[in-house]
N, C-alpha and C. Protein backbone atom coordinates (compact mmCIF):
# COMPACT_ATOMS: atom_id res chain seq x y z
N UNK A 1 172.73 118.86 130.05
CA UNK A 1 172.72 118.47 131.44
C UNK A 1 171.35 118.72 132.04
N UNK A 2 170.97 117.81 132.96
CA UNK A 2 169.67 117.93 133.60
C UNK A 2 169.69 118.98 134.69
N UNK A 3 168.51 119.43 135.04
CA UNK A 3 168.38 120.43 136.09
C UNK A 3 168.53 119.77 137.46
N UNK A 4 169.31 120.36 138.35
CA UNK A 4 169.52 119.82 139.69
C UNK A 4 168.41 120.32 140.61
N UNK A 5 167.78 119.38 141.29
CA UNK A 5 166.70 119.74 142.21
C UNK A 5 167.29 120.06 143.58
N UNK A 6 166.88 121.18 144.14
CA UNK A 6 167.35 121.59 145.45
C UNK A 6 166.22 121.32 146.45
N UNK A 7 166.52 120.52 147.46
CA UNK A 7 165.53 120.19 148.47
C UNK A 7 165.58 121.21 149.59
N UNK A 8 164.40 121.49 150.15
CA UNK A 8 164.31 122.41 151.27
C UNK A 8 164.92 121.73 152.50
N UNK A 9 165.71 122.48 153.25
CA UNK A 9 166.37 121.94 154.46
C UNK A 9 165.33 121.62 155.52
N UNK A 10 165.52 120.51 156.21
CA UNK A 10 164.64 120.12 157.30
C UNK A 10 165.04 120.91 158.55
N UNK A 11 164.04 121.28 159.38
CA UNK A 11 164.39 122.00 160.61
C UNK A 11 165.19 121.10 161.54
N UNK A 12 166.06 121.71 162.32
CA UNK A 12 166.87 120.94 163.27
C UNK A 12 165.99 120.42 164.39
N UNK A 13 166.33 119.26 164.89
CA UNK A 13 165.59 118.66 166.00
C UNK A 13 165.83 119.46 167.27
N UNK A 14 164.84 119.48 168.15
CA UNK A 14 164.97 120.15 169.43
C UNK A 14 166.06 119.45 170.23
N UNK A 15 167.03 120.18 170.76
CA UNK A 15 168.11 119.52 171.51
C UNK A 15 167.59 118.87 172.78
N UNK A 16 168.20 117.76 173.13
CA UNK A 16 167.82 117.03 174.34
C UNK A 16 168.68 117.50 175.50
N UNK A 17 168.05 117.58 176.66
CA UNK A 17 168.82 117.86 177.86
C UNK A 17 169.62 116.63 178.22
N UNK A 18 170.72 116.82 178.89
CA UNK A 18 171.55 115.70 179.31
C UNK A 18 170.72 114.73 180.13
N UNK A 19 170.69 113.47 179.70
CA UNK A 19 169.97 112.44 180.42
C UNK A 19 168.49 112.37 180.10
N UNK A 20 167.96 113.25 179.21
CA UNK A 20 166.54 113.22 178.87
C UNK A 20 166.37 112.52 177.52
N UNK A 21 166.01 111.24 177.58
CA UNK A 21 165.88 110.47 176.36
C UNK A 21 164.43 110.16 176.02
N UNK A 22 163.49 110.68 176.80
CA UNK A 22 162.08 110.35 176.57
C UNK A 22 161.63 110.81 175.19
N UNK A 23 162.04 111.99 174.78
CA UNK A 23 161.68 112.49 173.45
C UNK A 23 162.26 111.62 172.35
N UNK A 24 163.47 111.16 172.54
CA UNK A 24 164.13 110.29 171.56
C UNK A 24 163.36 108.98 171.41
N UNK A 25 162.95 108.38 172.53
CA UNK A 25 162.20 107.14 172.48
C UNK A 25 160.82 107.36 171.88
N UNK A 26 160.19 108.48 172.19
CA UNK A 26 158.88 108.77 171.62
C UNK A 26 158.98 108.91 170.11
N UNK A 27 160.02 109.57 169.65
CA UNK A 27 160.21 109.74 168.22
C UNK A 27 160.45 108.39 167.55
N UNK A 28 161.22 107.53 168.18
CA UNK A 28 161.58 106.24 167.59
C UNK A 28 160.47 105.21 167.72
N UNK A 29 159.84 105.13 168.86
CA UNK A 29 158.90 104.05 169.13
C UNK A 29 157.46 104.50 169.34
N UNK A 30 157.18 105.76 169.15
CA UNK A 30 155.83 106.24 169.41
C UNK A 30 155.67 106.53 170.88
N UNK A 31 154.45 106.54 171.35
CA UNK A 31 154.19 106.87 172.75
C UNK A 31 154.90 105.89 173.68
N UNK A 32 155.57 106.44 174.65
CA UNK A 32 156.30 105.62 175.62
C UNK A 32 155.30 105.08 176.64
N UNK A 33 155.30 103.77 176.81
CA UNK A 33 154.42 103.15 177.79
C UNK A 33 155.17 103.02 179.10
N UNK A 34 154.45 103.29 180.18
CA UNK A 34 155.06 103.07 181.49
C UNK A 34 154.86 101.61 181.86
N UNK A 35 155.92 100.96 182.24
CA UNK A 35 155.79 99.58 182.68
C UNK A 35 156.63 99.39 183.93
N UNK A 36 156.10 98.60 184.83
CA UNK A 36 156.81 98.32 186.07
C UNK A 36 156.99 96.80 186.15
N UNK A 37 158.23 96.39 186.10
CA UNK A 37 158.53 94.97 186.17
C UNK A 37 158.95 94.64 187.59
N UNK A 38 158.34 93.64 188.14
CA UNK A 38 158.69 93.20 189.48
C UNK A 38 160.17 92.82 189.50
N UNK A 39 160.89 93.29 190.50
CA UNK A 39 162.33 93.04 190.59
C UNK A 39 162.64 91.55 190.63
N UNK A 40 161.81 90.79 191.30
CA UNK A 40 162.03 89.34 191.37
C UNK A 40 161.86 88.72 190.00
N UNK A 41 160.81 89.12 189.30
CA UNK A 41 160.57 88.59 187.95
C UNK A 41 161.72 88.98 187.02
N UNK A 42 162.21 90.22 187.13
CA UNK A 42 163.31 90.68 186.31
C UNK A 42 164.57 89.86 186.57
N UNK A 43 164.88 89.60 187.83
CA UNK A 43 166.08 88.83 188.15
C UNK A 43 165.95 87.39 187.66
N UNK A 44 164.73 86.83 187.70
CA UNK A 44 164.52 85.48 187.18
C UNK A 44 164.77 85.42 185.68
N UNK A 45 164.30 86.43 184.98
CA UNK A 45 164.50 86.49 183.53
C UNK A 45 165.99 86.59 183.21
N UNK A 46 166.70 87.42 183.96
CA UNK A 46 168.14 87.58 183.75
C UNK A 46 168.86 86.27 184.03
N UNK A 47 168.51 85.60 185.10
CA UNK A 47 169.16 84.32 185.44
C UNK A 47 168.88 83.26 184.37
N UNK A 48 167.65 83.22 183.86
CA UNK A 48 167.33 82.26 182.80
C UNK A 48 168.15 82.56 181.54
N UNK A 49 168.29 83.85 181.23
CA UNK A 49 169.08 84.24 180.07
C UNK A 49 170.54 83.84 180.24
N UNK A 50 171.08 84.09 181.42
CA UNK A 50 172.48 83.72 181.68
C UNK A 50 172.68 82.21 181.62
N UNK A 51 171.73 81.45 182.15
CA UNK A 51 171.84 79.99 182.11
C UNK A 51 171.85 79.50 180.66
N UNK A 52 170.98 80.05 179.84
CA UNK A 52 170.92 79.65 178.43
C UNK A 52 172.21 80.07 177.71
N UNK A 53 172.70 81.26 178.05
CA UNK A 53 173.95 81.73 177.45
C UNK A 53 175.10 80.81 177.82
N UNK A 54 175.20 80.43 179.10
CA UNK A 54 176.27 79.53 179.54
C UNK A 54 176.18 78.18 178.84
N UNK A 55 174.95 77.73 178.61
CA UNK A 55 174.73 76.44 177.95
C UNK A 55 175.21 76.47 176.49
N UNK A 56 174.97 77.58 175.79
CA UNK A 56 175.25 77.64 174.36
C UNK A 56 176.56 78.35 174.03
N UNK A 57 177.18 79.00 174.99
CA UNK A 57 178.35 79.83 174.73
C UNK A 57 179.60 78.98 174.56
N UNK A 58 180.37 79.33 173.57
CA UNK A 58 181.68 78.69 173.35
C UNK A 58 182.74 79.64 173.92
N UNK A 59 183.59 79.11 174.76
CA UNK A 59 184.61 79.96 175.39
C UNK A 59 185.47 80.63 174.33
N UNK A 60 185.88 81.84 174.66
CA UNK A 60 186.77 82.61 173.79
C UNK A 60 188.05 82.82 174.58
N UNK A 61 189.14 82.27 174.09
CA UNK A 61 190.43 82.37 174.79
C UNK A 61 190.30 81.95 176.25
N UNK A 62 189.61 80.84 176.49
CA UNK A 62 189.39 80.30 177.83
C UNK A 62 188.60 81.23 178.75
N UNK A 63 187.83 82.13 178.16
CA UNK A 63 187.03 83.08 178.94
C UNK A 63 185.56 82.72 178.81
N UNK A 64 184.87 82.71 179.94
CA UNK A 64 183.45 82.37 179.95
C UNK A 64 182.60 83.60 179.60
N UNK A 65 181.32 83.36 179.39
CA UNK A 65 180.39 84.46 179.10
C UNK A 65 180.37 85.44 180.27
N UNK A 66 180.44 84.93 181.49
CA UNK A 66 180.45 85.80 182.68
C UNK A 66 181.69 86.68 182.72
N UNK A 67 182.84 86.11 182.35
CA UNK A 67 184.08 86.90 182.31
C UNK A 67 183.94 88.05 181.32
N UNK A 68 183.41 87.75 180.16
CA UNK A 68 183.26 88.77 179.10
C UNK A 68 182.22 89.80 179.53
N UNK A 69 181.13 89.35 180.16
CA UNK A 69 180.11 90.27 180.64
C UNK A 69 180.71 91.26 181.64
N UNK A 70 181.55 90.78 182.55
CA UNK A 70 182.18 91.66 183.53
C UNK A 70 183.12 92.66 182.87
N UNK A 71 183.86 92.21 181.85
CA UNK A 71 184.76 93.12 181.12
C UNK A 71 183.96 94.23 180.43
N UNK A 72 182.85 93.85 179.80
CA UNK A 72 182.03 94.83 179.10
C UNK A 72 181.42 95.81 180.12
N UNK A 73 180.93 95.29 181.23
CA UNK A 73 180.36 96.14 182.27
C UNK A 73 181.40 97.15 182.77
N UNK A 74 182.61 96.70 183.02
CA UNK A 74 183.67 97.59 183.47
C UNK A 74 184.00 98.65 182.43
N UNK A 75 184.05 98.24 181.17
CA UNK A 75 184.36 99.18 180.08
C UNK A 75 183.27 100.24 179.96
N UNK A 76 182.01 99.82 180.03
CA UNK A 76 180.90 100.77 179.92
C UNK A 76 180.90 101.73 181.10
N UNK A 77 181.12 101.22 182.30
CA UNK A 77 181.18 102.08 183.48
C UNK A 77 182.32 103.09 183.34
N UNK A 78 183.44 102.66 182.80
CA UNK A 78 184.57 103.56 182.59
C UNK A 78 184.24 104.67 181.60
N UNK A 79 183.55 104.32 180.52
CA UNK A 79 183.16 105.31 179.52
C UNK A 79 182.17 106.31 180.12
N UNK A 80 181.20 105.79 180.87
CA UNK A 80 180.22 106.68 181.51
C UNK A 80 180.92 107.65 182.46
N UNK A 81 181.88 107.15 183.22
CA UNK A 81 182.62 108.01 184.15
C UNK A 81 183.46 109.03 183.40
N UNK A 82 184.13 108.60 182.32
CA UNK A 82 184.96 109.51 181.53
C UNK A 82 184.16 110.68 180.97
N UNK A 83 182.93 110.42 180.55
CA UNK A 83 182.10 111.46 179.94
C UNK A 83 181.10 112.05 180.93
N UNK A 84 181.26 111.72 182.21
CA UNK A 84 180.40 112.25 183.28
C UNK A 84 178.92 112.05 182.95
N UNK A 85 178.55 110.83 182.58
CA UNK A 85 177.18 110.49 182.23
C UNK A 85 176.55 109.74 183.40
N UNK A 86 175.39 110.22 183.82
CA UNK A 86 174.64 109.55 184.89
C UNK A 86 173.64 108.62 184.22
N UNK A 87 173.84 107.32 184.33
CA UNK A 87 172.97 106.34 183.67
C UNK A 87 172.01 105.69 184.64
N UNK A 88 171.72 106.35 185.76
CA UNK A 88 170.79 105.77 186.72
C UNK A 88 169.37 106.08 186.37
């Protein structure tokens, strides 16, 4: 039988405070860039995305993309409330 190699344990990651994800993003994506998107520009992008989605979306059980979006939004808000998570 061959010899089993034992790897040294990696140190545990520093715990994150509730709602502090900056370290997580820095670890995943490198330095976090600050960006400020104009609210009007952001809403235009969202509206364009929704229009394209409505154009290409096939209804599911007679439900539109907007219906499904609202259901998902409600479900996510419910989960956030259940776990007392502030996502603002």
